[in-house]
C-alpha atoms as a PDB file:
ATOM      1  CA  MET A   1      -6.030 -48.670  55.290  1.00  0.00           C
ATOM      2  CA  GLY A   2      -3.704 -50.927  53.203  1.00  0.00           C
ATOM      3  CA  THR A   3      -4.935 -53.861  51.198  1.00  0.00           C
ATOM      4  CA  GLU A   4      -3.434 -57.347  50.663  1.00  0.00           C
ATOM      5  CA  ALA A   5      -1.657 -55.754  47.573  1.00  0.00           C
ATOM      6  CA  GLY A   6       0.133 -53.278  49.816  1.00  0.00           C
ATOM      7  CA  PRO A   7      -0.282 -50.129  51.723  1.00  0.00           C
ATOM      8  CA  ALA A   8      -2.549 -47.312  50.733  1.00  0.00           C
ATOM      9  CA  VAL A   9      -1.151 -44.584  48.442  1.00  0.00           C
ATOM     10  CA  ILE A  10      -2.739 -41.115  48.227  1.00  0.00           C
ATOM     11  CA  ASP A  11      -2.021 -39.857  44.640  1.00  0.00           C
ATOM     12  CA  LYS A  12      -1.774 -36.081  44.595  1.00  0.00           C
ATOM     13  CA  LEU A  13      -0.586 -33.275  42.333  1.00  0.00           C
ATOM     14  CA  ALA A  14       1.322 -30.119  43.433  1.00  0.00           C
ATOM     15  CA  TRP A  15       2.330 -26.821  41.825  1.00  0.00           C
ATOM     16  CA  LEU A  16       5.792 -25.817  42.507  1.00  0.00           C
ATOM     17  CA  ARG A  17       5.996 -21.948  42.318  1.00  0.00           C
ATOM     18  CA  VAL A  18       9.341 -20.590  43.406  1.00  0.00           C
ATOM     19  CA  GLU A  19      10.223 -16.949  43.243  1.00  0.00           C
ATOM     20  CA  ASP A  20      13.115 -15.166  45.041  1.00  0.00           C
ATOM     21  CA  GLY A  21      14.183 -18.313  46.870  1.00  0.00           C
ATOM     22  CA  ARG A  22      10.764 -18.798  48.351  1.00  0.00           C
ATOM     23  CA  ILE A  23       8.070 -21.349  47.410  1.00  0.00           C
ATOM     24  CA  LEU A  24       4.374 -20.648  47.392  1.00  0.00           C
ATOM     25  CA  SER A  25       2.483 -22.559  50.084  1.00  0.00           C
ATOM     26  CA  THR A  26      -0.999 -22.578  51.523  1.00  0.00           C
ATOM     27  CA  ARG A  27      -2.661 -23.201  54.947  1.00  0.00           C
ATOM     28  CA  SER A  28      -6.223 -24.393  55.046  1.00  0.00           C
ATOM     29  CA  TYR A  29      -8.662 -23.144  57.702  1.00  0.00           C
ATOM     30  CA  GLY A  30      -8.210 -24.496  61.123  1.00  0.00           C
ATOM     31  CA  LYS A  31      -4.775 -26.215  60.181  1.00  0.00           C
ATOM     32  CA  ASP A  32      -1.331 -25.409  61.327  1.00  0.00           C
ATOM     33  CA  THR A  33       0.473 -27.173  58.578  1.00  0.00           C
ATOM     34  CA  TYR A  34       1.276 -25.634  55.226  1.00  0.00           C
ATOM     35  CA  TYR A  35       0.838 -27.542  51.994  1.00  0.00           C
ATOM     36  CA  LEU A  36       1.901 -26.924  48.408  1.00  0.00           C
ATOM     37  CA  PRO A  37      -1.058 -25.928  46.227  1.00  0.00           C
ATOM     38  CA  GLY A  38      -2.735 -28.768  44.371  1.00  0.00           C
ATOM     39  CA  GLY A  39      -4.880 -31.770  45.113  1.00  0.00           C
ATOM     40  CA  LYS A  40      -6.322 -35.021  43.682  1.00  0.00           C
ATOM     41  CA  ARG A  41      -7.511 -35.695  40.166  1.00  0.00           C
ATOM     42  CA  GLU A  42     -11.253 -36.139  39.483  1.00  0.00           C
ATOM     43  CA  ALA A  43     -12.371 -39.008  37.231  1.00  0.00           C
ATOM     44  CA  GLY A  44     -11.180 -38.563  33.683  1.00  0.00           C
ATOM     45  CA  GLU A  45      -8.837 -35.589  34.409  1.00  0.00           C
ATOM     46  CA  THR A  46      -5.249 -35.374  33.121  1.00  0.00           C
ATOM     47  CA  ASP A  47      -2.689 -34.030  35.391  1.00  0.00           C
ATOM     48  CA  HIS A  48      -2.679 -30.721  33.744  1.00  0.00           C
ATOM     49  CA  GLU A  49      -6.530 -30.412  33.966  1.00  0.00           C
ATOM     50  CA  ALA A  50      -6.660 -31.477  37.610  1.00  0.00           C
ATOM     51  CA  LEU A  51      -3.686 -29.199  38.653  1.00  0.00           C
ATOM     52  CA  SER A  52      -5.229 -26.097  36.808  1.00  0.00           C
ATOM     53  CA  ARG A  53      -8.631 -26.752  38.497  1.00  0.00           C
ATOM     54  CA  GLU A  54      -7.102 -27.180  41.875  1.00  0.00           C
ATOM     55  CA  VAL A  55      -4.928 -24.101  41.609  1.00  0.00           C
ATOM     56  CA  ALA A  56      -7.879 -21.983  40.278  1.00  0.00           C
ATOM     57  CA  GLU A  57     -10.037 -23.334  43.302  1.00  0.00           C
ATOM     58  CA  GLU A  58      -7.393 -22.777  45.944  1.00  0.00           C
ATOM     59  CA  LEU A  59      -5.637 -19.584  44.674  1.00  0.00           C
ATOM     60  CA  ARG A  60      -7.937 -17.965  42.115  1.00  0.00           C
ATOM     61  CA  VAL A  61      -5.414 -17.825  39.391  1.00  0.00           C
ATOM     62  CA  GLU A  62      -5.074 -19.525  36.071  1.00  0.00           C
ATOM     63  CA  LEU A  63      -2.091 -21.715  35.082  1.00  0.00           C
ATOM     64  CA  VAL A  64      -0.835 -20.727  31.620  1.00  0.00           C
ATOM     65  CA  ASP A  65      -1.244 -23.543  29.079  1.00  0.00           C
ATOM     66  CA  GLY A  66       2.014 -24.421  27.375  1.00  0.00           C
ATOM     67  CA  THR A  67       4.108 -23.630  30.504  1.00  0.00           C
ATOM     68  CA  ILE A  68       3.174 -26.539  32.737  1.00  0.00           C
ATOM     69  CA  GLU A  69       6.110 -28.910  32.960  1.00  0.00           C
ATOM     70  CA  PHE A  70       6.861 -31.920  35.061  1.00  0.00           C
ATOM     71  CA  ALA A  71       9.228 -31.379  37.946  1.00  0.00           C
ATOM     72  CA  GLY A  72       9.390 -34.590  39.790  1.00  0.00           C
ATOM     73  CA  ILE A  73       7.520 -37.256  42.028  1.00  0.00           C
ATOM     74  CA  PHE A  74       8.068 -37.424  45.751  1.00  0.00           C
ATOM     75  CA  GLU A  75       6.779 -39.918  48.324  1.00  0.00           C
ATOM     76  CA  ALA A  76       6.655 -39.800  51.994  1.00  0.00           C
ATOM     77  CA  PRO A  77       4.278 -41.000  54.884  1.00  0.00           C
ATOM     78  CA  ALA A  78       0.969 -39.086  54.504  1.00  0.00           C
ATOM     79  CA  HIS A  79       0.585 -36.312  57.064  1.00  0.00           C
ATOM     80  CA  GLY A  80      -2.377 -36.778  59.351  1.00  0.00           C
ATOM     81  CA  HIS A  81      -3.061 -40.397  58.155  1.00  0.00           C
ATOM     82  CA  PRO A  82      -2.522 -43.729  59.957  1.00  0.00           C
ATOM     83  CA  ASP A  83       0.919 -45.432  59.685  1.00  0.00           C
ATOM     84  CA  GLY A  84       1.392 -47.229  56.436  1.00  0.00           C
ATOM     85  CA  VAL A  85      -0.445 -44.578  54.278  1.00  0.00           C
ATOM     86  CA  THR A  86       1.835 -42.910  51.754  1.00  0.00           C
ATOM     87  CA  VAL A  87       1.355 -39.780  49.660  1.00  0.00           C
ATOM     88  CA  ARG A  88       2.763 -39.750  46.138  1.00  0.00           C
ATOM     89  CA  MET A  89       3.175 -36.082  45.080  1.00  0.00           C
ATOM     90  CA  THR A  90       3.630 -35.470  41.304  1.00  0.00           C
ATOM     91  CA  CYS A  91       4.849 -32.020  41.045  1.00  0.00           C
ATOM     92  CA  TYR A  92       4.694 -29.456  38.122  1.00  0.00           C
ATOM     93  CA  ARG A  93       5.945 -25.952  37.504  1.00  0.00           C
ATOM     94  CA  ALA A  94       3.979 -23.412  35.609  1.00  0.00           C
ATOM     95  CA  ASP A  95       3.392 -19.717  35.003  1.00  0.00           C
ATOM     96  CA  TYR A  96       0.210 -18.141  36.102  1.00  0.00           C
ATOM     97  CA  ARG A  97      -2.240 -15.355  35.210  1.00  0.00           C
ATOM     98  CA  GLY A  98      -4.037 -13.264  37.799  1.00  0.00           C
ATOM     99  CA  ASP A  99      -3.455 -12.171  41.469  1.00  0.00           C
ATOM    100  CA  LEU A 100      -3.038 -14.818  44.130  1.00  0.00           C
ATOM    101  CA  GLU A 101      -5.702 -14.809  46.739  1.00  0.00           C
ATOM    102  CA  PRO A 102      -7.066 -17.441  49.220  1.00  0.00           C
ATOM    103  CA  GLY A 103      -9.895 -19.470  47.622  1.00  0.00           C
ATOM    104  CA  ALA A 104     -11.635 -22.634  48.567  1.00  0.00           C
ATOM    105  CA  GLU A 105     -10.584 -23.952  52.030  1.00  0.00           C
ATOM    106  CA  ILE A 106      -7.561 -21.761  52.140  1.00  0.00           C
ATOM    107  CA  GLU A 107      -7.029 -19.406  54.995  1.00  0.00           C
ATOM    108  CA  GLU A 108      -3.480 -18.183  54.172  1.00  0.00           C
ATOM    109  CA  ILE A 109      -1.169 -17.987  51.228  1.00  0.00           C
ATOM    110  CA  ARG A 110       2.522 -17.694  52.327  1.00  0.00           C
ATOM    111  CA  TRP A 111       5.949 -17.726  50.493  1.00  0.00           C
ATOM    112  CA  LEU A 112       8.307 -19.884  52.519  1.00  0.00           C
ATOM    113  CA  ASP A 113      12.111 -20.074  52.354  1.00  0.00           C
ATOM    114  CA  HIS A 114      13.886 -23.396  53.301  1.00  0.00           C
ATOM    115  CA  SER A 115      13.317 -22.569  57.063  1.00  0.00           C
ATOM    116  CA  GLY A 116       9.677 -22.877  56.400  1.00  0.00           C
ATOM    117  CA  ARG A 117      10.033 -26.613  55.714  1.00  0.00           C
ATOM    118  CA  GLU A 118       9.356 -27.176  59.371  1.00  0.00           C
ATOM    119  CA  LEU A 119       5.822 -25.766  59.028  1.00  0.00           C
ATOM    120  CA  SER A 120       5.181 -28.169  56.085  1.00  0.00           C
ATOM    121  CA  SER A 121       4.021 -31.678  55.567  1.00  0.00           C
ATOM    122  CA  THR A 122       6.427 -34.664  55.285  1.00  0.00           C
ATOM    123  CA  VAL A 123       6.335 -34.830  51.492  1.00  0.00           C
ATOM    124  CA  ASP A 124       6.575 -31.078  51.210  1.00  0.00           C
ATOM    125  CA  LYS A 125       9.748 -31.272  53.358  1.00  0.00           C
ATOM    126  CA  LEU A 126      11.326 -33.647  50.736  1.00  0.00           C
ATOM    127  CA  ILE A 127      10.472 -31.137  48.074  1.00  0.00           C
ATOM    128  CA  PHE A 128      11.943 -28.179  50.058  1.00  0.00           C
ATOM    129  CA  ASP A 129      15.188 -30.169  50.442  1.00  0.00           C
ATOM    130  CA  TRP A 130      15.219 -31.009  46.712  1.00  0.00           C
ATOM    131  CA  LEU A 131      14.746 -27.418  45.775  1.00  0.00           C
ATOM    132  CA  ARG A 132      17.492 -26.355  48.109  1.00  0.00           C
ATOM    133  CA  GLY A 133      19.735 -28.860  46.610  1.00  0.00           C
ATOM    134  CA  ARG A 134      19.108 -27.302  43.252  1.00  0.00           C
ATOM    135  CA  GLY A 135      19.988 -23.827  44.653  1.00  0.00           C
ATOM    136  CA  GLU A 136      16.286 -22.731  44.326  1.00  0.00           C
ATOM    137  CA  LEU A 137      15.399 -22.221  48.157  1.00  0.00           C
END
């Protein structure tokens, strides 16, 4: 999947929502791996617009404008893709309005503590460890 310029990179956004030492995670229909909520930008979208759209689609809640703040960028081999494909996850924190419920493609919403990292994708494991190092998980 790489090119002469280098290996393929999947550019994604994620919402980090940590409460009571657990992080909000999702599992899509037919999958056994949990992923942090988020997704890819569509043409012309800013990070905030894309993240807000993805979270609304997946979890049926609205991110509160003015509370969205950059948390970090994490890179790891892309889960379920050929060797050499990397995912770059740009993460944001934000408050939300509404009640969390499964939306598009989401079968389950789950709050995971650090032990839940083993149920998660490779890049999410890095984020779990980073949050643990900060005393949040």
